Amino acid sequence: MEEDKIIIITRKPFNDWLSGLKNPIAIYQIDTRLKEIRDGVIRGSKPLRKNVHEIRIQIASGVRIYYFK
């Protein structure tokens, strides 16, 4: 059985936002979570609607990652 691959696609607005963050802990937490997702570790996920899910990252301002499958 072929394993599902996780592909993370970021866009310029996201990359600009991330590179503009001043909080190194927040940057680390977001980067770590994206690496975990890429490696297939999806925790704290909540379904929103058909095929759309949300992952919350608990940092000061609150960050959400949305994905679909």
Protein backbone atom coordinates (compact mmCIF):
# COMPACT_ATOMS: atom_id res chain seq x y z
CA MET A 1 0.00 0.00 0.00
CA GLU A 2 1.40 3.38 -0.98
CA GLU A 3 1.83 5.88 1.84
CA ASP A 4 0.10 9.24 1.48
CA LYS A 5 2.61 12.03 1.06
CA ILE A 6 2.19 15.37 2.73
CA ILE A 7 3.16 18.35 0.64
CA ILE A 8 3.38 21.77 2.24
CA ILE A 9 2.87 24.67 -0.12
CA THR A 10 3.45 28.18 1.12
CA ARG A 11 2.76 31.38 -0.71
CA LYS A 12 4.54 34.72 -0.73
CA PRO A 13 2.12 36.39 1.73
CA PHE A 14 2.77 33.62 4.25
CA ASN A 15 6.53 33.72 3.73
CA ASP A 16 6.55 37.52 4.05
CA TRP A 17 4.47 37.31 7.23
CA LEU A 18 6.70 34.62 8.76
CA SER A 19 9.94 36.42 7.91
CA GLY A 20 8.50 39.63 9.40
CA LEU A 21 7.77 38.10 12.81
CA LYS A 22 9.88 39.54 15.60
CA ASN A 23 9.28 36.74 18.13
CA PRO A 24 11.91 34.00 17.64
CA ILE A 25 9.93 31.56 19.80
CA ALA A 26 6.86 31.97 17.59
CA ILE A 27 8.96 31.45 14.45
CA TYR A 28 10.48 28.31 15.98
CA GLN A 29 7.06 26.93 16.99
CA ILE A 30 5.54 27.54 13.57
CA ASP A 31 8.55 26.09 11.76
CA THR A 32 8.60 23.05 14.06
CA ARG A 33 4.89 22.40 13.54
CA LEU A 34 5.25 22.62 9.75
CA LYS A 35 8.14 20.13 9.87
CA GLU A 36 6.05 17.77 12.02
CA ILE A 37 3.19 17.98 9.55
CA ARG A 38 5.55 17.32 6.65
CA ASP A 39 6.78 14.23 8.55
CA GLY A 40 3.19 13.02 8.97
CA VAL A 41 2.68 14.06 12.59
CA ILE A 42 -0.63 15.89 12.63
CA ARG A 43 -1.82 16.63 16.15
CA GLY A 44 -4.46 18.94 17.47
CA SER A 45 -6.34 18.89 14.18
CA LYS A 46 -9.99 19.85 14.03
CA PRO A 47 -12.27 19.27 11.03
CA LEU A 48 -14.03 22.43 9.84
CA ARG A 49 -15.95 21.20 6.82
CA LYS A 50 -15.63 18.54 4.18
CA ASN A 51 -11.90 17.91 3.60
CA VAL A 52 -10.83 21.15 5.38
CA HIS A 53 -9.07 20.94 8.74
CA GLU A 54 -7.50 23.39 11.16
CA ILE A 55 -4.46 23.11 13.42
CA ARG A 56 -3.99 25.71 16.14
CA ILE A 57 -0.56 26.73 17.36
CA GLN A 58 -0.72 28.15 20.87
CA ILE A 59 1.45 31.24 20.72
CA ALA A 60 0.74 34.78 21.84
CA SER A 61 -1.44 35.90 18.95
CA GLY A 62 -2.69 32.43 18.06
CA VAL A 63 -1.79 30.93 14.70
CA ARG A 64 -3.88 28.57 12.65
CA ILE A 65 -2.82 26.28 9.84
CA TYR A 66 -5.52 25.18 7.44
CA TYR A 67 -5.14 22.12 5.27
CA PHE A 68 -7.22 19.89 3.11
CA LYS A 69 -7.11 16.24 2.19
